Amino acid sequence: MKMMKKISLAYISILFFNLPVHLCAQEIKVKFLYKIDLSPIAANTATTFSNLSVSDENRIYLVDSGLNRIILTDSLGRKQKEVGGFGWELEQFDQPNAIWAENALDVFVADYNNSRIQRFDRNLNFVTALIGDEVSNADMVFAFPVAVAWSRFGDLFIIESELNRVLQFDEIGEAVNAFGDFDEGAGQLISPVDLCVSDDEKIFVADQGRHAIMKFDYYGNFLQELTLHSLSQLDAIIWQKKKLFLLDGQKNQVTIASENGDIIVDFTPVPVTEDKKSSQLTDLCMQKNHLYILDDTRKMIHVYIVSTWRK
């Protein structure tokens, strides 16, 4: 049984009672902290902030898919460096659409139309590229990547939209595994858009086609389909504090759920604008206990603090 007590539009307190013994009663609080203004780096009207990632040094990495660039800012949104521009050469992009930079070392960018993953260091200096049609294993050749995640074991996981599957590469770029494709059976992915790796090495894939989260073990074995009927359009997924954080781009709503898909709370961080041409909220990321929600319409990041403890 769950009870929700609204404190304000930006503060949500959830109390749990009569939970299974092994979970223990918990209280989760999501409280608004501040906004990061991105308008100084969005002077060009073509700028479209589609994705973000925050390192454990609180450096913010933004994907501007409109101008085909990656921007590094400090914790206040002040630009430190940018890389990119339209093209197919290294350090150029053609519709970048995903980024992972959650440690203090690496930045991985999914370069969609160039069918590759570009890797940079923390200061956006180019390191290497994993090019889809140059993979040595012919069965792992990929095209049109839409998501990327890095595990603590040094493995890179990507979603390729051409065959709607997840590919796993080791730290030197060698192909390791592929799963979720047409011969997966119950675990077949239909239209995967994002993924994350949990602390216990489970792989969670947001599948818009199935309207569900598909759960796999680290070796790609299908475990569970988590259907979330309250979500209209599943656009982004992250793992933190043993919880799933999900973004519904159609409702501009954030949902927090357990690893088994039980919804703990959902809320709309900001009033939805009247502009229905595109999603207002486009991505989310969590670093430590801070939840960062990217608002492309307002050109800002909404920052919340998430607190969880046993009662």
C-alpha atoms as a PDB file:
ATOM      1  CA  MET A   1       0.000   0.000   0.000  1.00  0.00           C
ATOM      2  CA  LYS A   2       1.350   3.456  -0.726  1.00  0.00           C
ATOM      3  CA  MET A   3       0.412   6.957   0.342  1.00  0.00           C
ATOM      4  CA  MET A   4       1.463  10.177  -1.361  1.00  0.00           C
ATOM      5  CA  LYS A   5       1.541  13.464   0.485  1.00  0.00           C
ATOM      6  CA  LYS A   6       1.959  16.558  -1.681  1.00  0.00           C
ATOM      7  CA  ILE A   7       4.014  19.239   0.006  1.00  0.00           C
ATOM      8  CA  SER A   8       4.311  21.526  -3.052  1.00  0.00           C
ATOM      9  CA  LEU A   9       4.621  21.263  -6.817  1.00  0.00           C
ATOM     10  CA  ALA A  10       8.318  20.602  -6.422  1.00  0.00           C
ATOM     11  CA  TYR A  11       8.287  18.356  -3.377  1.00  0.00           C
ATOM     12  CA  ILE A  12       6.911  14.850  -3.125  1.00  0.00           C
ATOM     13  CA  SER A  13       6.980  12.589  -0.075  1.00  0.00           C
ATOM     14  CA  ILE A  14       6.053   8.930  -0.414  1.00  0.00           C
ATOM     15  CA  LEU A  15       5.468   6.670   2.584  1.00  0.00           C
ATOM     16  CA  PHE A  16       5.324   2.895   2.272  1.00  0.00           C
ATOM     17  CA  PHE A  17       3.512   0.543   4.629  1.00  0.00           C
ATOM     18  CA  ASN A  18       2.899  -3.213   4.679  1.00  0.00           C
ATOM     19  CA  LEU A  19       5.762  -3.907   2.301  1.00  0.00           C
ATOM     20  CA  PRO A  20       7.307  -7.384   2.112  1.00  0.00           C
ATOM     21  CA  VAL A  21       9.681  -7.899   5.008  1.00  0.00           C
ATOM     22  CA  HIS A  22      12.784  -8.089   2.819  1.00  0.00           C
ATOM     23  CA  LEU A  23      12.145  -4.569   1.440  1.00  0.00           C
ATOM     24  CA  CYS A  24      11.462  -2.752   4.718  1.00  0.00           C
ATOM     25  CA  ALA A  25       9.390   0.429   4.951  1.00  0.00           C
ATOM     26  CA  GLN A  26      10.972   3.323   3.082  1.00  0.00           C
ATOM     27  CA  GLU A  27      10.453   7.003   2.580  1.00  0.00           C
ATOM     28  CA  ILE A  28      11.424   8.654  -0.683  1.00  0.00           C
ATOM     29  CA  LYS A  29      11.561  12.409  -1.056  1.00  0.00           C
ATOM     30  CA  VAL A  30      12.105  14.349  -4.268  1.00  0.00           C
ATOM     31  CA  LYS A  31      12.757  18.025  -3.611  1.00  0.00           C
ATOM     32  CA  PHE A  32      13.472  20.806  -6.095  1.00  0.00           C
ATOM     33  CA  LEU A  33      16.849  22.494  -5.591  1.00  0.00           C
ATOM     34  CA  TYR A  34      17.605  24.908  -8.430  1.00  0.00           C
ATOM     35  CA  LYS A  35      17.613  25.505 -12.174  1.00  0.00           C
ATOM     36  CA  ILE A  36      20.632  25.712 -14.460  1.00  0.00           C
ATOM     37  CA  ASP A  37      20.150  28.308 -17.193  1.00  0.00           C
ATOM     38  CA  LEU A  38      21.414  27.089 -20.573  1.00  0.00           C
ATOM     39  CA  SER A  39      20.224  30.073 -22.610  1.00  0.00           C
ATOM     40  CA  PRO A  40      23.722  31.639 -22.889  1.00  0.00           C
ATOM     41  CA  ILE A  41      24.888  28.584 -24.853  1.00  0.00           C
ATOM     42  CA  ALA A  42      21.678  28.342 -26.872  1.00  0.00           C
ATOM     43  CA  ALA A  43      21.762  31.627 -28.776  1.00  0.00           C
ATOM     44  CA  ASN A  44      21.353  29.829 -32.103  1.00  0.00           C
ATOM     45  CA  THR A  45      17.692  29.000 -32.637  1.00  0.00           C
ATOM     46  CA  ALA A  46      18.678  25.643 -34.153  1.00  0.00           C
ATOM     47  CA  THR A  47      20.041  24.452 -30.813  1.00  0.00           C
ATOM     48  CA  THR A  48      18.191  21.377 -29.580  1.00  0.00           C
ATOM     49  CA  PHE A  49      19.294  19.921 -26.261  1.00  0.00           C
ATOM     50  CA  SER A  50      18.354  16.271 -26.644  1.00  0.00           C
ATOM     51  CA  ASN A  51      20.554  14.481 -24.111  1.00  0.00           C
ATOM     52  CA  LEU A  52      22.736  15.052 -21.081  1.00  0.00           C
ATOM     53  CA  SER A  53      25.109  13.207 -18.795  1.00  0.00           C
ATOM     54  CA  VAL A  54      26.696  14.383 -15.539  1.00  0.00           C
ATOM     55  CA  SER A  55      30.060  13.117 -14.310  1.00  0.00           C
ATOM     56  CA  ASP A  56      30.866  12.375 -10.688  1.00  0.00           C
ATOM     57  CA  GLU A  57      32.801  15.663 -10.710  1.00  0.00           C
ATOM     58  CA  ASN A  58      29.516  17.449 -11.525  1.00  0.00           C
ATOM     59  CA  ARG A  59      30.642  18.283 -15.026  1.00  0.00           C
ATOM     60  CA  ILE A  60      27.676  18.486 -17.388  1.00  0.00           C
ATOM     61  CA  TYR A  61      27.838  17.123 -20.930  1.00  0.00           C
ATOM     62  CA  LEU A  62      25.078  18.178 -23.332  1.00  0.00           C
ATOM     63  CA  VAL A  63      24.104  16.877 -26.747  1.00  0.00           C
ATOM     64  CA  ASP A  64      22.959  19.643 -29.072  1.00  0.00           C
ATOM     65  CA  SER A  65      21.498  17.534 -31.862  1.00  0.00           C
ATOM     66  CA  GLY A  66      20.357  20.614 -33.759  1.00  0.00           C
ATOM     67  CA  LEU A  67      23.906  21.882 -34.238  1.00  0.00           C
ATOM     68  CA  ASN A  68      25.578  18.445 -34.116  1.00  0.00           C
ATOM     69  CA  ARG A  69      27.812  19.316 -31.180  1.00  0.00           C
ATOM     70  CA  ILE A  70      28.708  18.209 -27.659  1.00  0.00           C
ATOM     71  CA  ILE A  71      29.057  20.899 -24.994  1.00  0.00           C
ATOM     72  CA  LEU A  72      30.923  20.585 -21.701  1.00  0.00           C
ATOM     73  CA  THR A  73      29.805  22.942 -18.930  1.00  0.00           C
ATOM     74  CA  ASP A  74      30.634  23.375 -15.285  1.00  0.00           C
ATOM     75  CA  SER A  75      28.073  22.659 -12.576  1.00  0.00           C
ATOM     76  CA  LEU A  76      26.423  26.047 -13.206  1.00  0.00           C
ATOM     77  CA  GLY A  77      26.016  25.544 -16.947  1.00  0.00           C
ATOM     78  CA  ARG A  78      28.905  27.787 -18.007  1.00  0.00           C
ATOM     79  CA  LYS A  79      30.487  26.483 -21.192  1.00  0.00           C
ATOM     80  CA  GLN A  80      33.988  25.080 -20.847  1.00  0.00           C
ATOM     81  CA  LYS A  81      34.408  23.494 -24.259  1.00  0.00           C
ATOM     82  CA  GLU A  82      32.509  22.174 -27.242  1.00  0.00           C
ATOM     83  CA  VAL A  83      33.327  19.703 -29.982  1.00  0.00           C
ATOM     84  CA  GLY A  84      31.588  18.735 -33.187  1.00  0.00           C
ATOM     85  CA  GLY A  85      29.764  20.340 -36.034  1.00  0.00           C
ATOM     86  CA  PHE A  86      28.105  18.544 -38.918  1.00  0.00           C
ATOM     87  CA  GLY A  87      30.210  16.022 -40.816  1.00  0.00           C
ATOM     88  CA  TRP A  88      31.545  12.498 -41.019  1.00  0.00           C
ATOM     89  CA  GLU A  89      35.157  13.099 -40.001  1.00  0.00           C
ATOM     90  CA  LEU A  90      36.281  12.179 -36.499  1.00  0.00           C
ATOM     91  CA  GLU A  91      35.137  14.765 -33.926  1.00  0.00           C
ATOM     92  CA  GLN A  92      32.218  15.653 -36.185  1.00  0.00           C
ATOM     93  CA  PHE A  93      28.668  14.359 -35.882  1.00  0.00           C
ATOM     94  CA  ASP A  94      25.579  13.674 -37.922  1.00  0.00           C
ATOM     95  CA  GLN A  95      22.689  13.648 -35.458  1.00  0.00           C
ATOM     96  CA  PRO A  96      24.300  12.714 -32.137  1.00  0.00           C
ATOM     97  CA  ASN A  97      21.545  11.326 -29.949  1.00  0.00           C
ATOM     98  CA  ALA A  98      22.979   9.742 -26.798  1.00  0.00           C
ATOM     99  CA  ILE A  99      25.813  10.366 -24.360  1.00  0.00           C
ATOM    100  CA  TRP A 100      27.338   8.662 -21.316  1.00  0.00           C
ATOM    101  CA  ALA A 101      29.872  10.451 -19.096  1.00  0.00           C
ATOM    102  CA  GLU A 102      29.060   9.383 -15.561  1.00  0.00           C
ATOM    103  CA  ASN A 103      32.599   8.608 -14.397  1.00  0.00           C
ATOM    104  CA  ALA A 104      35.444  11.112 -14.301  1.00  0.00           C
ATOM    105  CA  LEU A 105      37.294   9.667 -17.297  1.00  0.00           C
ATOM    106  CA  ASP A 106      35.226   8.817 -20.347  1.00  0.00           C
ATOM    107  CA  VAL A 107      32.645  10.374 -22.635  1.00  0.00           C
ATOM    108  CA  PHE A 108      30.839   8.148 -25.151  1.00  0.00           C
ATOM    109  CA  VAL A 109      28.641   9.669 -27.856  1.00  0.00           C
ATOM    110  CA  ALA A 110      26.265   7.785 -30.153  1.00  0.00           C
ATOM    111  CA  ASP A 111      26.739   9.337 -33.598  1.00  0.00           C
ATOM    112  CA  TYR A 112      23.513   8.152 -35.226  1.00  0.00           C
ATOM    113  CA  ASN A 113      23.775   8.800 -38.961  1.00  0.00           C
ATOM    114  CA  ASN A 114      27.510   8.067 -38.991  1.00  0.00           C
ATOM    115  CA  SER A 115      26.775   4.679 -37.362  1.00  0.00           C
ATOM    116  CA  ARG A 116      29.522   4.883 -34.771  1.00  0.00           C
ATOM    117  CA  ILE A 117      30.339   5.564 -31.146  1.00  0.00           C
ATOM    118  CA  GLN A 118      32.914   8.292 -30.558  1.00  0.00           C
ATOM    119  CA  ARG A 119      34.929   8.230 -27.357  1.00  0.00           C
ATOM    120  CA  PHE A 120      36.443  11.319 -25.724  1.00  0.00           C
ATOM    121  CA  ASP A 121      38.260  11.994 -22.484  1.00  0.00           C
ATOM    122  CA  ARG A 122      36.742  14.097 -19.727  1.00  0.00           C
ATOM    123  CA  ASN A 123      37.912  17.306 -21.433  1.00  0.00           C
ATOM    124  CA  LEU A 124      36.376  16.314 -24.780  1.00  0.00           C
ATOM    125  CA  ASN A 125      39.671  15.389 -26.389  1.00  0.00           C
ATOM    126  CA  PHE A 126      39.105  12.659 -28.964  1.00  0.00           C
ATOM    127  CA  VAL A 127      40.282   9.168 -27.963  1.00  0.00           C
ATOM    128  CA  THR A 128      38.897   6.644 -30.447  1.00  0.00           C
ATOM    129  CA  ALA A 129      35.815   5.573 -32.367  1.00  0.00           C
ATOM    130  CA  LEU A 130      33.913   2.309 -32.620  1.00  0.00           C
ATOM    131  CA  ILE A 131      32.734   2.299 -36.231  1.00  0.00           C
ATOM    132  CA  GLY A 132      29.748   0.130 -37.053  1.00  0.00           C
ATOM    133  CA  ASP A 133      30.888  -1.333 -40.357  1.00  0.00           C
ATOM    134  CA  GLU A 134      34.474  -1.890 -39.193  1.00  0.00           C
ATOM    135  CA  VAL A 135      33.669  -4.333 -36.381  1.00  0.00           C
ATOM    136  CA  SER A 136      35.754  -7.479 -36.954  1.00  0.00           C
ATOM    137  CA  ASN A 137      32.912  -9.850 -36.097  1.00  0.00           C
ATOM    138  CA  ALA A 138      30.489  -9.675 -39.028  1.00  0.00           C
ATOM    139  CA  ASP A 139      27.575 -10.636 -36.781  1.00  0.00           C
ATOM    140  CA  MET A 140      28.215  -7.546 -34.646  1.00  0.00           C
ATOM    141  CA  VAL A 141      28.339  -4.949 -37.404  1.00  0.00           C
ATOM    142  CA  PHE A 142      25.898  -2.210 -36.433  1.00  0.00           C
ATOM    143  CA  ALA A 143      24.149   0.875 -37.768  1.00  0.00           C
ATOM    144  CA  PHE A 144      22.235   3.838 -36.325  1.00  0.00           C
ATOM    145  CA  PRO A 145      23.046   3.631 -32.584  1.00  0.00           C
ATOM    146  CA  VAL A 146      20.512   5.324 -30.298  1.00  0.00           C
ATOM    147  CA  ALA A 147      21.821   4.641 -26.780  1.00  0.00           C
ATOM    148  CA  VAL A 148      25.070   3.935 -24.978  1.00  0.00           C
ATOM    149  CA  ALA A 149      26.033   2.859 -21.447  1.00  0.00           C
ATOM    150  CA  TRP A 150      29.259   1.820 -19.720  1.00  0.00           C
ATOM    151  CA  SER A 151      29.600  -0.809 -16.997  1.00  0.00           C
ATOM    152  CA  ARG A 152      31.993  -0.868 -14.061  1.00  0.00           C
ATOM    153  CA  PHE A 153      33.706  -3.856 -15.693  1.00  0.00           C
ATOM    154  CA  GLY A 154      34.678  -1.700 -18.654  1.00  0.00           C
ATOM    155  CA  ASP A 155      32.128  -3.050 -21.113  1.00  0.00           C
ATOM    156  CA  LEU A 156      30.284  -0.787 -23.522  1.00  0.00           C
ATOM    157  CA  PHE A 157      26.607  -1.487 -24.242  1.00  0.00           C
ATOM    158  CA  ILE A 158      24.878   0.143 -27.192  1.00  0.00           C
ATOM    159  CA  ILE A 159      21.457  -0.078 -28.791  1.00  0.00           C
ATOM    160  CA  GLU A 160      21.450  -0.206 -32.568  1.00  0.00           C
ATOM    161  CA  SER A 161      18.159   0.681 -34.178  1.00  0.00           C
ATOM    162  CA  GLU A 162      18.746  -1.071 -37.500  1.00  0.00           C
ATOM    163  CA  LEU A 163      18.306  -4.555 -35.984  1.00  0.00           C
ATOM    164  CA  ASN A 164      16.740  -3.418 -32.687  1.00  0.00           C
ATOM    165  CA  ARG A 165      19.241  -5.160 -30.447  1.00  0.00           C
ATOM    166  CA  VAL A 166      21.808  -4.536 -27.723  1.00  0.00           C
ATOM    167  CA  LEU A 167      25.503  -5.002 -28.491  1.00  0.00           C
ATOM    168  CA  GLN A 168      28.229  -5.480 -25.900  1.00  0.00           C
ATOM    169  CA  PHE A 169      31.898  -4.601 -26.485  1.00  0.00           C
ATOM    170  CA  ASP A 170      34.818  -5.004 -24.086  1.00  0.00           C
ATOM    171  CA  GLU A 171      37.162  -2.213 -23.026  1.00  0.00           C
ATOM    172  CA  ILE A 172      39.373  -2.609 -26.104  1.00  0.00           C
ATOM    173  CA  GLY A 173      36.425  -2.543 -28.482  1.00  0.00           C
ATOM    174  CA  GLU A 174      36.150  -6.255 -29.191  1.00  0.00           C
ATOM    175  CA  ALA A 175      32.651  -7.617 -29.761  1.00  0.00           C
ATOM    176  CA  VAL A 176      31.410  -9.711 -26.837  1.00  0.00           C
ATOM    177  CA  ASN A 177      27.691 -10.309 -27.214  1.00  0.00           C
ATOM    178  CA  ALA A 178      24.460  -9.338 -28.951  1.00  0.00           C
ATOM    179  CA  PHE A 179      20.976  -9.856 -27.561  1.00  0.00           C
ATOM    180  CA  GLY A 180      17.371  -8.770 -27.891  1.00  0.00           C
ATOM    181  CA  ASP A 181      17.133  -9.349 -31.636  1.00  0.00           C
ATOM    182  CA  PHE A 182      14.538 -11.271 -33.661  1.00  0.00           C
ATOM    183  CA  ASP A 183      15.502 -14.736 -32.388  1.00  0.00           C
ATOM    184  CA  GLU A 184      15.309 -13.748 -28.714  1.00  0.00           C
ATOM    185  CA  GLY A 185      11.753 -15.038 -28.226  1.00  0.00           C
ATOM    186  CA  ALA A 186      10.064 -13.408 -25.242  1.00  0.00           C
ATOM    187  CA  GLY A 187      13.015 -11.042 -24.886  1.00  0.00           C
ATOM    188  CA  GLN A 188      12.846  -9.677 -28.424  1.00  0.00           C
ATOM    189  CA  LEU A 189      13.133  -5.908 -28.599  1.00  0.00           C
ATOM    190  CA  ILE A 190      10.763  -4.035 -30.893  1.00  0.00           C
ATOM    191  CA  SER A 191      11.769  -0.382 -30.672  1.00  0.00           C
ATOM    192  CA  PRO A 192      14.439   0.077 -27.983  1.00  0.00           C
ATOM    193  CA  VAL A 193      15.448   3.667 -27.256  1.00  0.00           C
ATOM    194  CA  ASP A 194      17.573   3.691 -24.086  1.00  0.00           C
ATOM    195  CA  LEU A 195      19.330   1.425 -21.602  1.00  0.00           C
ATOM    196  CA  CYS A 196      21.146   1.427 -18.287  1.00  0.00           C
ATOM    197  CA  VAL A 197      23.272  -0.961 -16.218  1.00  0.00           C
ATOM    198  CA  SER A 198      22.327  -1.515 -12.564  1.00  0.00           C
ATOM    199  CA  ASP A 199      24.674  -1.884  -9.606  1.00  0.00           C
ATOM    200  CA  ASP A 200      24.184  -5.650  -9.686  1.00  0.00           C
ATOM    201  CA  GLU A 201      24.903  -5.748 -13.429  1.00  0.00           C
ATOM    202  CA  LYS A 202      21.383  -6.100 -14.776  1.00  0.00           C
ATOM    203  CA  ILE A 203      20.668  -4.487 -18.143  1.00  0.00           C
ATOM    204  CA  PHE A 204      17.410  -2.518 -18.373  1.00  0.00           C
ATOM    205  CA  VAL A 205      16.218  -1.534 -21.852  1.00  0.00           C
ATOM    206  CA  ALA A 206      13.453   1.004 -22.489  1.00  0.00           C
ATOM    207  CA  ASP A 207      11.400  -0.365 -25.393  1.00  0.00           C
ATOM    208  CA  GLN A 208       8.825   2.021 -26.858  1.00  0.00           C
ATOM    209  CA  GLY A 209       7.488  -0.696 -29.136  1.00  0.00           C
ATOM    210  CA  ARG A 210       6.651  -2.978 -26.228  1.00  0.00           C
ATOM    211  CA  HIS A 211       5.707  -0.075 -23.973  1.00  0.00           C
ATOM    212  CA  ALA A 212       7.849  -1.788 -21.364  1.00  0.00           C
ATOM    213  CA  ILE A 213      11.219  -2.134 -19.687  1.00  0.00           C
ATOM    214  CA  MET A 214      13.034  -5.297 -20.761  1.00  0.00           C
ATOM    215  CA  LYS A 215      15.342  -6.735 -18.115  1.00  0.00           C
ATOM    216  CA  PHE A 216      18.386  -8.888 -18.986  1.00  0.00           C
ATOM    217  CA  ASP A 217      21.285 -10.282 -16.996  1.00  0.00           C
ATOM    218  CA  TYR A 218      24.847  -9.205 -17.774  1.00  0.00           C
ATOM    219  CA  TYR A 219      25.249 -11.993 -20.307  1.00  0.00           C
ATOM    220  CA  GLY A 220      22.162 -11.009 -22.279  1.00  0.00           C
ATOM    221  CA  ASN A 221      19.801 -13.643 -20.909  1.00  0.00           C
ATOM    222  CA  PHE A 222      16.242 -12.321 -20.813  1.00  0.00           C
ATOM    223  CA  LEU A 223      14.826 -12.099 -17.291  1.00  0.00           C
ATOM    224  CA  GLN A 224      11.623 -10.082 -17.186  1.00  0.00           C
ATOM    225  CA  GLU A 225       9.317  -7.703 -19.041  1.00  0.00           C
ATOM    226  CA  LEU A 226       8.209  -4.769 -16.898  1.00  0.00           C
ATOM    227  CA  THR A 227       5.039  -3.266 -18.363  1.00  0.00           C
ATOM    228  CA  LEU A 228       4.252   0.280 -17.252  1.00  0.00           C
ATOM    229  CA  HIS A 229       0.740   1.164 -18.365  1.00  0.00           C
ATOM    230  CA  SER A 230       0.810   4.655 -16.870  1.00  0.00           C
ATOM    231  CA  LEU A 231       3.537   5.820 -19.259  1.00  0.00           C
ATOM    232  CA  SER A 232       2.608   7.191 -22.675  1.00  0.00           C
ATOM    233  CA  GLN A 233       6.055   7.385 -24.242  1.00  0.00           C
ATOM    234  CA  LEU A 234       9.132   5.904 -22.607  1.00  0.00           C
ATOM    235  CA  ASP A 235      12.106   8.032 -23.681  1.00  0.00           C
ATOM    236  CA  ALA A 236      14.873   7.688 -21.101  1.00  0.00           C
ATOM    237  CA  ILE A 237      15.907   5.363 -18.296  1.00  0.00           C
ATOM    238  CA  ILE A 238      18.558   5.549 -15.585  1.00  0.00           C
ATOM    239  CA  TRP A 239      19.427   3.470 -12.533  1.00  0.00           C
ATOM    240  CA  GLN A 240      20.274   4.966  -9.143  1.00  0.00           C
ATOM    241  CA  LYS A 241      19.645   4.151  -5.489  1.00  0.00           C
ATOM    242  CA  LYS A 242      18.382   0.686  -6.483  1.00  0.00           C
ATOM    243  CA  LYS A 243      15.557   2.358  -8.387  1.00  0.00           C
ATOM    244  CA  LEU A 244      14.649   2.992 -12.014  1.00  0.00           C
ATOM    245  CA  PHE A 245      14.073   6.597 -13.053  1.00  0.00           C
ATOM    246  CA  LEU A 246      12.025   6.911 -16.239  1.00  0.00           C
ATOM    247  CA  LEU A 247      11.140   9.850 -18.462  1.00  0.00           C
ATOM    248  CA  ASP A 248       7.841   9.989 -20.316  1.00  0.00           C
ATOM    249  CA  GLY A 249       8.513  12.498 -23.090  1.00  0.00           C
ATOM    250  CA  GLN A 250       4.880  12.758 -24.119  1.00  0.00           C
ATOM    251  CA  LYS A 251       3.551  13.573 -20.658  1.00  0.00           C
ATOM    252  CA  ASN A 252       6.783  15.335 -19.621  1.00  0.00           C
ATOM    253  CA  GLN A 253       6.628  13.164 -16.532  1.00  0.00           C
ATOM    254  CA  VAL A 254       9.226  11.411 -14.374  1.00  0.00           C
ATOM    255  CA  THR A 255       8.456   8.018 -12.857  1.00  0.00           C
ATOM    256  CA  ILE A 256      10.426   6.259 -10.131  1.00  0.00           C
ATOM    257  CA  ALA A 257       9.982   2.485 -10.049  1.00  0.00           C
ATOM    258  CA  SER A 258      11.476  -0.557  -8.376  1.00  0.00           C
ATOM    259  CA  GLU A 259      13.671  -2.947 -10.340  1.00  0.00           C
ATOM    260  CA  ASN A 260      10.604  -5.165 -10.736  1.00  0.00           C
ATOM    261  CA  GLY A 261       8.560  -2.369 -12.300  1.00  0.00           C
ATOM    262  CA  ASP A 262       6.454  -1.385  -9.293  1.00  0.00           C
ATOM    263  CA  ILE A 263       5.770   2.339  -9.573  1.00  0.00           C
ATOM    264  CA  ILE A 264       6.808   4.258  -6.486  1.00  0.00           C
ATOM    265  CA  VAL A 265       5.902   7.739  -7.664  1.00  0.00           C
ATOM    266  CA  ASP A 266       5.411   9.753 -10.815  1.00  0.00           C
ATOM    267  CA  PHE A 267       5.384  13.522 -11.094  1.00  0.00           C
ATOM    268  CA  THR A 268       5.598  16.368 -13.594  1.00  0.00           C
ATOM    269  CA  PRO A 269       8.596  18.501 -12.628  1.00  0.00           C
ATOM    270  CA  VAL A 270       7.418  21.649 -14.426  1.00  0.00           C
ATOM    271  CA  PRO A 271       4.188  22.909 -15.987  1.00  0.00           C
ATOM    272  CA  VAL A 272       3.837  21.620 -19.535  1.00  0.00           C
ATOM    273  CA  THR A 273       4.001  24.330 -22.201  1.00  0.00           C
ATOM    274  CA  GLU A 274       1.416  24.747 -24.925  1.00  0.00           C
ATOM    275  CA  ASP A 275       3.956  23.838 -27.615  1.00  0.00           C
ATOM    276  CA  LYS A 276       3.104  20.280 -28.664  1.00  0.00           C
ATOM    277  CA  LYS A 277       5.564  20.104 -31.566  1.00  0.00           C
ATOM    278  CA  SER A 278       8.238  18.399 -29.481  1.00  0.00           C
ATOM    279  CA  SER A 279       8.829  17.104 -25.991  1.00  0.00           C
ATOM    280  CA  GLN A 280       9.624  19.725 -23.418  1.00  0.00           C
ATOM    281  CA  LEU A 281      11.657  17.389 -21.203  1.00  0.00           C
ATOM    282  CA  THR A 282      14.119  15.382 -23.282  1.00  0.00           C
ATOM    283  CA  ASP A 283      16.448  13.501 -20.921  1.00  0.00           C
ATOM    284  CA  LEU A 284      17.396  12.867 -17.330  1.00  0.00           C
ATOM    285  CA  CYS A 285      20.509  11.847 -15.448  1.00  0.00           C
ATOM    286  CA  MET A 286      21.355  11.185 -11.834  1.00  0.00           C
ATOM    287  CA  GLN A 287      24.652  11.721 -10.054  1.00  0.00           C
ATOM    288  CA  LYS A 288      24.830  10.689  -6.426  1.00  0.00           C
ATOM    289  CA  ASN A 289      21.535  11.995  -4.995  1.00  0.00           C
ATOM    290  CA  HIS A 290      20.955  14.760  -7.550  1.00  0.00           C
ATOM    291  CA  LEU A 291      18.439  14.267 -10.350  1.00  0.00           C
ATOM    292  CA  TYR A 292      19.059  16.393 -13.463  1.00  0.00           C
ATOM    293  CA  ILE A 293      16.140  16.853 -15.876  1.00  0.00           C
ATOM    294  CA  LEU A 294      16.844  18.443 -19.260  1.00  0.00           C
ATOM    295  CA  ASP A 295      14.250  20.957 -20.463  1.00  0.00           C
ATOM    296  CA  ASP A 296      14.859  21.804 -24.118  1.00  0.00           C
ATOM    297  CA  THR A 297      11.861  24.124 -24.419  1.00  0.00           C
ATOM    298  CA  ARG A 298      13.037  26.398 -21.606  1.00  0.00           C
ATOM    299  CA  LYS A 299      16.735  25.734 -22.294  1.00  0.00           C
ATOM    300  CA  MET A 300      17.482  24.801 -18.714  1.00  0.00           C
ATOM    301  CA  ILE A 301      18.168  21.885 -16.379  1.00  0.00           C
ATOM    302  CA  HIS A 302      15.917  21.286 -13.379  1.00  0.00           C
ATOM    303  CA  VAL A 303      17.868  19.841 -10.450  1.00  0.00           C
ATOM    304  CA  TYR A 304      16.230  17.848  -7.651  1.00  0.00           C
ATOM    305  CA  ILE A 305      17.570  16.034  -4.628  1.00  0.00           C
ATOM    306  CA  VAL A 306      16.342  12.483  -4.035  1.00  0.00           C
ATOM    307  CA  SER A 307      16.457  11.079  -0.521  1.00  0.00           C
ATOM    308  CA  THR A 308      15.784   7.462   0.390  1.00  0.00           C
ATOM    309  CA  TRP A 309      16.087   5.827   3.779  1.00  0.00           C
ATOM    310  CA  ARG A 310      14.635   3.068   5.893  1.00  0.00           C
ATOM    311  CA  LYS A 311      12.033   4.076   8.403  1.00  0.00           C
END
